[in-house]
All heavy atoms as atom14 arrays in JSON, in Angstrom:
{
  "sequence": "SDFQRRLSEIYLEKDSERGLDGTFMYLVSEVGELAEA",
  "atom14_mask": [
    [1, 1, 1, 1, 1, 1, 0, 0, 0, 0, 0, 0, 0, 0],
    [1, 1, 1, 1, 1, 1, 1, 1, 0, 0, 0, 0, 0, 0],
    [1, 1, 1, 1, 1, 1, 1, 1, 1, 1, 1, 0, 0, 0],
    [1, 1, 1, 1, 1, 1, 1, 1, 1, 0, 0, 0, 0, 0],
    [1, 1, 1, 1, 1, 1, 1, 1, 1, 1, 1, 0, 0, 0],
    [1, 1, 1, 1, 1, 1, 1, 1, 1, 1, 1, 0, 0, 0],
    [1, 1, 1, 1, 1, 1, 1, 1, 0, 0, 0, 0, 0, 0],
    [1, 1, 1, 1, 1, 1, 0, 0, 0, 0, 0, 0, 0, 0],
    [1, 1, 1, 1, 1, 1, 1, 1, 1, 0, 0, 0, 0, 0],
    [1, 1, 1, 1, 1, 1, 1, 1, 0, 0, 0, 0, 0, 0],
    [1, 1, 1, 1, 1, 1, 1, 1, 1, 1, 1, 1, 0, 0],
    [1, 1, 1, 1, 1, 1, 1, 1, 0, 0, 0, 0, 0, 0],
    [1, 1, 1, 1, 1, 1, 1, 1, 1, 0, 0, 0, 0, 0],
    [1, 1, 1, 1, 1, 1, 1, 1, 1, 0, 0, 0, 0, 0],
    [1, 1, 1, 1, 1, 1, 1, 1, 0, 0, 0, 0, 0, 0],
    [1, 1, 1, 1, 1, 1, 0, 0, 0, 0, 0, 0, 0, 0],
    [1, 1, 1, 1, 1, 1, 1, 1, 1, 0, 0, 0, 0, 0],
    [1, 1, 1, 1, 1, 1, 1, 1, 1, 1, 1, 0, 0, 0],
    [1, 1, 1, 1, 0, 0, 0, 0, 0, 0, 0, 0, 0, 0],
    [1, 1, 1, 1, 1, 1, 1, 1, 0, 0, 0, 0, 0, 0],
    [1, 1, 1, 1, 1, 1, 1, 1, 0, 0, 0, 0, 0, 0],
    [1, 1, 1, 1, 0, 0, 0, 0, 0, 0, 0, 0, 0, 0],
    [1, 1, 1, 1, 1, 1, 1, 0, 0, 0, 0, 0, 0, 0],
    [1, 1, 1, 1, 1, 1, 1, 1, 1, 1, 1, 0, 0, 0],
    [1, 1, 1, 1, 1, 1, 1, 1, 0, 0, 0, 0, 0, 0],
    [1, 1, 1, 1, 1, 1, 1, 1, 1, 1, 1, 1, 0, 0],
    [1, 1, 1, 1, 1, 1, 1, 1, 0, 0, 0, 0, 0, 0],
    [1, 1, 1, 1, 1, 1, 1, 0, 0, 0, 0, 0, 0, 0],
    [1, 1, 1, 1, 1, 1, 0, 0, 0, 0, 0, 0, 0, 0],
    [1, 1, 1, 1, 1, 1, 1, 1, 1, 0, 0, 0, 0, 0],
    [1, 1, 1, 1, 1, 1, 1, 0, 0, 0, 0, 0, 0, 0],
    [1, 1, 1, 1, 0, 0, 0, 0, 0, 0, 0, 0, 0, 0],
    [1, 1, 1, 1, 1, 1, 1, 1, 1, 0, 0, 0, 0, 0],
    [1, 1, 1, 1, 1, 1, 1, 1, 0, 0, 0, 0, 0, 0],
    [1, 1, 1, 1, 1, 0, 0, 0, 0, 0, 0, 0, 0, 0],
    [1, 1, 1, 1, 1, 1, 1, 1, 1, 0, 0, 0, 0, 0],
    [1, 1, 1, 1, 1, 0, 0, 0, 0, 0, 0, 0, 0, 0]
  ],
  "atom14_positions": [
    [[14.83, 2.12, 0.78], [14.53, 3.5, 0.4], [14.3, 3.64, -1.09], [13.43, 4.41, -1.52], [15.66, 4.43, 0.83], [15.7, 4.56, 2.23], [0.0, 0.0, 0.0], [0.0, 0.0, 0.0], [0.0, 0.0, 0.0], [0.0, 0.0, 0.0], [0.0, 0.0, 0.0], [0.0, 0.0, 0.0], [0.0, 0.0, 0.0], [0.0, 0.0, 0.0]],
    [[15.07, 2.91, -1.9], [14.87, 2.95, -3.35], [13.46, 2.5, -3.71], [12.78, 3.13, -4.53], [15.87, 2.05, -4.08], [17.3, 2.55, -3.97], [17.52, 3.76, -3.8], [18.22, 1.69, -4.05], [0.0, 0.0, 0.0], [0.0, 0.0, 0.0], [0.0, 0.0, 0.0], [0.0, 0.0, 0.0], [0.0, 0.0, 0.0], [0.0, 0.0, 0.0]],
    [[13.02, 1.4, -3.11], [11.68, 0.89, -3.39], [10.6, 1.82, -2.85], [9.59, 2.05, -3.51], [11.51, -0.53, -2.86], [12.27, -1.53, -3.68], [13.46, -2.05, -3.23], [11.79, -1.95, -4.91], [14.18, -2.95, -3.98], [12.5, -2.85, -5.69], [13.7, -3.36, -5.22], [0.0, 0.0, 0.0], [0.0, 0.0, 0.0], [0.0, 0.0, 0.0]],
    [[10.83, 2.37, -1.67], [9.84, 3.29, -1.11], [9.7, 4.52, -1.99], [8.59, 4.97, -2.26], [10.22, 3.68, 0.32], [9.13, 4.51, 0.99], [9.36, 4.72, 2.47], [10.29, 4.17, 3.07], [8.49, 5.51, 3.08], [0.0, 0.0, 0.0], [0.0, 0.0, 0.0], [0.0, 0.0, 0.0], [0.0, 0.0, 0.0], [0.0, 0.0, 0.0]],
    [[10.8, 5.05, -2.46], [10.78, 6.21, -3.35], [10.05, 5.89, -4.66], [9.23, 6.65, -5.14], [12.22, 6.67, -3.61], [12.38, 8.02, -4.17], [13.84, 8.52, -4.19], [14.89, 7.51, -4.15], [15.57, 7.13, -3.06], [15.29, 7.66, -1.89], [16.52, 6.23, -3.12], [0.0, 0.0, 0.0], [0.0, 0.0, 0.0], [0.0, 0.0, 0.0]],
    [[10.35, 4.72, -5.23], [9.71, 4.33, -6.49], [8.2, 4.16, -6.3], [7.42, 4.62, -7.13], [10.33, 3.03, -7.01], [9.71, 2.49, -8.3], [9.73, 3.49, -9.46], [11.05, 3.89, -9.83], [11.7, 3.44, -10.89], [11.14, 2.6, -11.7], [12.93, 3.84, -11.13], [0.0, 0.0, 0.0], [0.0, 0.0, 0.0], [0.0, 0.0, 0.0]],
    [[7.79, 3.52, -5.22], [6.36, 3.36, -4.97], [5.69, 4.71, -4.78], [4.54, 4.9, -5.19], [6.13, 2.45, -3.78], [6.44, 0.98, -4.04], [6.43, 0.19, -2.75], [5.46, 0.38, -5.03], [0.0, 0.0, 0.0], [0.0, 0.0, 0.0], [0.0, 0.0, 0.0], [0.0, 0.0, 0.0], [0.0, 0.0, 0.0], [0.0, 0.0, 0.0]],
    [[6.4, 5.65, -4.17], [5.86, 6.99, -4.02], [5.63, 7.63, -5.39], [4.59, 8.25, -5.63], [6.8, 7.85, -3.17], [6.3, 9.16, -3.04], [0.0, 0.0, 0.0], [0.0, 0.0, 0.0], [0.0, 0.0, 0.0], [0.0, 0.0, 0.0], [0.0, 0.0, 0.0], [0.0, 0.0, 0.0], [0.0, 0.0, 0.0], [0.0, 0.0, 0.0]],
    [[6.61, 7.49, -6.27], [6.48, 8.05, -7.63], [5.29, 7.45, -8.36], [4.56, 8.15, -9.07], [7.75, 7.78, -8.44], [8.97, 8.48, -7.95], [10.26, 7.96, -8.59], [10.21, 7.09, -9.47], [11.33, 8.44, -8.17], [0.0, 0.0, 0.0], [0.0, 0.0, 0.0], [0.0, 0.0, 0.0], [0.0, 0.0, 0.0], [0.0, 0.0, 0.0]],
    [[5.09, 6.16, -8.2], [4.05, 5.45, -8.95], [2.67, 5.64, -8.33], [1.69, 5.88, -9.03], [4.37, 3.94, -9.03], [5.68, 3.71, -9.79], [3.23, 3.17, -9.69], [6.2, 2.28, -9.71], [0.0, 0.0, 0.0], [0.0, 0.0, 0.0], [0.0, 0.0, 0.0], [0.0, 0.0, 0.0], [0.0, 0.0, 0.0], [0.0, 0.0, 0.0]],
    [[2.58, 5.54, -6.98], [1.27, 5.4, -6.34], [0.87, 6.47, -5.33], [-0.26, 6.45, -4.85], [1.2, 4.05, -5.6], [1.34, 2.85, -6.5], [2.44, 2.01, -6.39], [0.38, 2.54, -7.44], [2.57, 0.89, -7.2], [0.49, 1.43, -8.26], [1.61, 0.61, -8.13], [1.73, -0.48, -8.94], [0.0, 0.0, 0.0], [0.0, 0.0, 0.0]],
    [[1.76, 7.39, -4.96], [1.44, 8.29, -3.86], [0.15, 9.08, -4.08], [-0.65, 9.23, -3.15], [2.6, 9.25, -3.56], [2.38, 10.16, -2.35], [2.16, 9.34, -1.08], [3.54, 11.11, -2.18], [0.0, 0.0, 0.0], [0.0, 0.0, 0.0], [0.0, 0.0, 0.0], [0.0, 0.0, 0.0], [0.0, 0.0, 0.0], [0.0, 0.0, 0.0]],
    [[-0.06, 9.53, -5.29], [-1.29, 10.31, -5.54], [-2.53, 9.47, -5.27], [-3.44, 9.9, -4.56], [-1.29, 10.84, -6.98], [-2.46, 11.76, -7.26], [-2.4, 12.37, -8.65], [-1.3, 12.59, -9.18], [-3.5, 12.63, -9.19], [0.0, 0.0, 0.0], [0.0, 0.0, 0.0], [0.0, 0.0, 0.0], [0.0, 0.0, 0.0], [0.0, 0.0, 0.0]],
    [[-2.58, 8.26, -5.81], [-3.72, 7.37, -5.58], [-3.84, 6.98, -4.11], [-4.94, 6.97, -3.55], [-3.59, 6.08, -6.41], [-3.9, 6.24, -7.86], [-3.81, 4.87, -8.54], [-4.19, 4.97, -9.99], [-4.17, 3.66, -10.66], [0.0, 0.0, 0.0], [0.0, 0.0, 0.0], [0.0, 0.0, 0.0], [0.0, 0.0, 0.0], [0.0, 0.0, 0.0]],
    [[-2.7, 6.64, -3.51], [-2.72, 6.25, -2.1], [-3.2, 7.39, -1.22], [-3.98, 7.19, -0.29], [-1.34, 5.79, -1.65], [-0.9, 4.48, -2.29], [-1.77, 3.72, -2.76], [0.32, 4.22, -2.31], [0.0, 0.0, 0.0], [0.0, 0.0, 0.0], [0.0, 0.0, 0.0], [0.0, 0.0, 0.0], [0.0, 0.0, 0.0], [0.0, 0.0, 0.0]],
    [[-2.76, 8.61, -1.51], [-3.18, 9.78, -0.73], [-4.68, 10.03, -0.87], [-5.35, 10.37, 0.1], [-2.4, 11.01, -1.15], [-1.03, 10.86, -0.85], [0.0, 0.0, 0.0], [0.0, 0.0, 0.0], [0.0, 0.0, 0.0], [0.0, 0.0, 0.0], [0.0, 0.0, 0.0], [0.0, 0.0, 0.0], [0.0, 0.0, 0.0], [0.0, 0.0, 0.0]],
    [[-5.2, 9.85, -2.08], [-6.64, 10.01, -2.29], [-7.43, 8.96, -1.52], [-8.49, 9.25, -0.98], [-6.97, 9.92, -3.79], [-6.52, 11.12, -4.58], [-6.72, 10.97, -6.07], [-7.41, 10.02, -6.51], [-6.19, 11.82, -6.82], [0.0, 0.0, 0.0], [0.0, 0.0, 0.0], [0.0, 0.0, 0.0], [0.0, 0.0, 0.0], [0.0, 0.0, 0.0]],
    [[-6.91, 7.75, -1.47], [-7.56, 6.66, -0.74], [-7.48, 6.93, 0.76], [-8.35, 6.55, 1.53], [-6.87, 5.33, -1.07], [-7.49, 4.12, -0.45], [-6.74, 2.82, -0.74], [-6.43, 2.66, -2.14], [-5.22, 2.82, -2.69], [-4.2, 3.14, -1.94], [-5.03, 2.64, -3.97], [0.0, 0.0, 0.0], [0.0, 0.0, 0.0], [0.0, 0.0, 0.0]],
    [[-6.39, 7.57, 1.19], [-6.2, 7.91, 2.59], [-5.45, 6.83, 3.35], [-5.28, 5.7, 2.88], [0.0, 0.0, 0.0], [0.0, 0.0, 0.0], [0.0, 0.0, 0.0], [0.0, 0.0, 0.0], [0.0, 0.0, 0.0], [0.0, 0.0, 0.0], [0.0, 0.0, 0.0], [0.0, 0.0, 0.0], [0.0, 0.0, 0.0], [0.0, 0.0, 0.0]],
    [[-5.02, 7.21, 4.53], [-4.23, 6.31, 5.37], [-5.04, 5.06, 5.75], [-4.55, 3.94, 5.64], [-3.75, 7.05, 6.62], [-2.77, 6.3, 7.51], [-1.52, 5.88, 6.76], [-2.4, 7.17, 8.7], [0.0, 0.0, 0.0], [0.0, 0.0, 0.0], [0.0, 0.0, 0.0], [0.0, 0.0, 0.0], [0.0, 0.0, 0.0], [0.0, 0.0, 0.0]],
    [[-6.27, 5.25, 6.19], [-7.09, 4.1, 6.61], [-7.34, 3.14, 5.46], [-7.19, 1.93, 5.61], [-8.42, 4.56, 7.2], [-8.27, 5.23, 8.56], [-7.22, 5.06, 9.19], [-9.22, 5.92, 8.97], [0.0, 0.0, 0.0], [0.0, 0.0, 0.0], [0.0, 0.0, 0.0], [0.0, 0.0, 0.0], [0.0, 0.0, 0.0], [0.0, 0.0, 0.0]],
    [[-7.72, 3.66, 4.31], [-8.0, 2.8, 3.16], [-6.76, 2.06, 2.68], [-6.81, 0.88, 2.35], [0.0, 0.0, 0.0], [0.0, 0.0, 0.0], [0.0, 0.0, 0.0], [0.0, 0.0, 0.0], [0.0, 0.0, 0.0], [0.0, 0.0, 0.0], [0.0, 0.0, 0.0], [0.0, 0.0, 0.0], [0.0, 0.0, 0.0], [0.0, 0.0, 0.0]],
    [[-5.64, 2.76, 2.65], [-4.39, 2.14, 2.21], [-3.95, 1.1, 3.23], [-3.48, 0.01, 2.86], [-3.31, 3.21, 1.97], [-3.83, 4.15, 1.01], [-2.03, 2.61, 1.44], [0.0, 0.0, 0.0], [0.0, 0.0, 0.0], [0.0, 0.0, 0.0], [0.0, 0.0, 0.0], [0.0, 0.0, 0.0], [0.0, 0.0, 0.0], [0.0, 0.0, 0.0]],
    [[-4.11, 1.39, 4.5], [-3.78, 0.41, 5.54], [-4.63, -0.85, 5.4], [-4.14, -1.96, 5.6], [-3.95, 1.03, 6.93], [-3.55, 0.09, 8.03], [-2.21, -0.1, 8.34], [-4.51, -0.61, 8.74], [-1.84, -0.99, 9.34], [-4.14, -1.48, 9.74], [-2.8, -1.68, 10.04], [0.0, 0.0, 0.0], [0.0, 0.0, 0.0], [0.0, 0.0, 0.0]],
    [[-5.89, -0.69, 5.03], [-6.76, -1.86, 4.87], [-6.27, -2.74, 3.72], [-6.38, -3.97, 3.79], [-8.21, -1.44, 4.65], [-8.84, -0.82, 5.9], [-8.65, -1.83, 7.41], [-9.55, -3.28, 6.98], [0.0, 0.0, 0.0], [0.0, 0.0, 0.0], [0.0, 0.0, 0.0], [0.0, 0.0, 0.0], [0.0, 0.0, 0.0], [0.0, 0.0, 0.0]],
    [[-5.7, -2.15, 2.68], [-5.1, -2.96, 1.61], [-3.92, -3.75, 2.16], [-3.72, -4.92, 1.8], [-4.66, -2.09, 0.43], [-5.77, -1.85, -0.57], [-6.52, -0.68, -0.53], [-6.05, -2.78, -1.54], [-7.53, -0.45, -1.45], [-7.07, -2.57, -2.46], [-7.8, -1.4, -2.41], [-8.82, -1.18, -3.32], [0.0, 0.0, 0.0], [0.0, 0.0, 0.0]],
    [[-3.11, -3.12, 3.01], [-1.99, -3.83, 3.64], [-2.5, -5.02, 4.44], [-1.97, -6.13, 4.32], [-1.19, -2.88, 4.54], [-0.16, -3.53, 5.47], [0.92, -4.26, 4.67], [0.46, -2.47, 6.39], [0.0, 0.0, 0.0], [0.0, 0.0, 0.0], [0.0, 0.0, 0.0], [0.0, 0.0, 0.0], [0.0, 0.0, 0.0], [0.0, 0.0, 0.0]],
    [[-3.51, -4.81, 5.24], [-4.08, -5.89, 6.06], [-4.58, -7.03, 5.17], [-4.34, -8.21, 5.45], [-5.21, -5.35, 6.96], [-5.96, -6.48, 7.65], [-4.64, -4.37, 7.99], [0.0, 0.0, 0.0], [0.0, 0.0, 0.0], [0.0, 0.0, 0.0], [0.0, 0.0, 0.0], [0.0, 0.0, 0.0], [0.0, 0.0, 0.0], [0.0, 0.0, 0.0]],
    [[-5.23, -6.68, 4.08], [-5.71, -7.68, 3.13], [-4.57, -8.5, 2.55], [-4.65, -9.73, 2.44], [-6.5, -6.99, 2.01], [-6.85, -7.91, 1.0], [0.0, 0.0, 0.0], [0.0, 0.0, 0.0], [0.0, 0.0, 0.0], [0.0, 0.0, 0.0], [0.0, 0.0, 0.0], [0.0, 0.0, 0.0], [0.0, 0.0, 0.0], [0.0, 0.0, 0.0]],
    [[-3.48, -7.82, 2.21], [-2.32, -8.52, 1.65], [-1.64, -9.41, 2.69], [-1.15, -10.49, 2.34], [-1.31, -7.52, 1.07], [-1.81, -6.84, -0.19], [-2.09, -7.78, -1.35], [-1.52, -8.89, -1.39], [-2.9, -7.42, -2.22], [0.0, 0.0, 0.0], [0.0, 0.0, 0.0], [0.0, 0.0, 0.0], [0.0, 0.0, 0.0], [0.0, 0.0, 0.0]],
    [[-1.63, -8.99, 3.95], [-1.09, -9.85, 5.01], [-1.93, -11.13, 5.1], [-1.39, -12.23, 5.25], [-1.02, -9.12, 6.36], [-0.69, -10.07, 7.5], [0.02, -8.0, 6.31], [0.0, 0.0, 0.0], [0.0, 0.0, 0.0], [0.0, 0.0, 0.0], [0.0, 0.0, 0.0], [0.0, 0.0, 0.0], [0.0, 0.0, 0.0], [0.0, 0.0, 0.0]],
    [[-3.23, -10.99, 4.96], [-4.11, -12.16, 4.95], [-3.81, -13.09, 3.78], [-3.78, -14.32, 3.94], [0.0, 0.0, 0.0], [0.0, 0.0, 0.0], [0.0, 0.0, 0.0], [0.0, 0.0, 0.0], [0.0, 0.0, 0.0], [0.0, 0.0, 0.0], [0.0, 0.0, 0.0], [0.0, 0.0, 0.0], [0.0, 0.0, 0.0], [0.0, 0.0, 0.0]],
    [[-3.56, -12.52, 2.61], [-3.21, -13.33, 1.45], [-1.88, -14.03, 1.65], [-1.7, -15.2, 1.25], [-3.19, -12.48, 0.18], [-4.57, -12.04, -0.26], [-4.55, -11.2, -1.51], [-3.57, -11.28, -2.29], [-5.53, -10.47, -1.74], [0.0, 0.0, 0.0], [0.0, 0.0, 0.0], [0.0, 0.0, 0.0], [0.0, 0.0, 0.0], [0.0, 0.0, 0.0]],
    [[-0.92, -13.36, 2.29], [0.37, -13.98, 2.58], [0.17, -15.13, 3.57], [0.75, -16.22, 3.39], [1.36, -12.96, 3.14], [2.7, -13.51, 3.61], [3.44, -14.23, 2.48], [3.55, -12.39, 4.19], [0.0, 0.0, 0.0], [0.0, 0.0, 0.0], [0.0, 0.0, 0.0], [0.0, 0.0, 0.0], [0.0, 0.0, 0.0], [0.0, 0.0, 0.0]],
    [[-0.64, -14.93, 4.58], [-0.91, -15.99, 5.55], [-1.5, -17.21, 4.87], [-1.09, -18.36, 5.13], [-1.85, -15.48, 6.65], [0.0, 0.0, 0.0], [0.0, 0.0, 0.0], [0.0, 0.0, 0.0], [0.0, 0.0, 0.0], [0.0, 0.0, 0.0], [0.0, 0.0, 0.0], [0.0, 0.0, 0.0], [0.0, 0.0, 0.0], [0.0, 0.0, 0.0]],
    [[-2.42, -16.98, 3.97], [-3.04, -18.08, 3.22], [-1.99, -18.79, 2.36], [-1.95, -20.02, 2.31], [-4.16, -17.54, 2.34], [-4.92, -18.6, 1.59], [-6.05, -18.02, 0.78], [-6.74, -17.1, 1.29], [-6.25, -18.47, -0.36], [0.0, 0.0, 0.0], [0.0, 0.0, 0.0], [0.0, 0.0, 0.0], [0.0, 0.0, 0.0], [0.0, 0.0, 0.0]],
    [[-1.15, -18.03, 1.7], [-0.11, -18.62, 0.84], [0.87, -19.46, 1.67], [1.32, -20.52, 1.23], [0.63, -17.52, 0.09], [0.0, 0.0, 0.0], [0.0, 0.0, 0.0], [0.0, 0.0, 0.0], [0.0, 0.0, 0.0], [0.0, 0.0, 0.0], [0.0, 0.0, 0.0], [0.0, 0.0, 0.0], [0.0, 0.0, 0.0], [0.0, 0.0, 0.0]]
  ]
}
């Protein structure tokens, strides 16, 4: 919860502008990078 709250403070405005679909696509991309790593 601490990290979720902090990320909200830092990024919620940008993430909201990008929207749920766009932000989810960044998550998918990062999962791919983790798989590669």
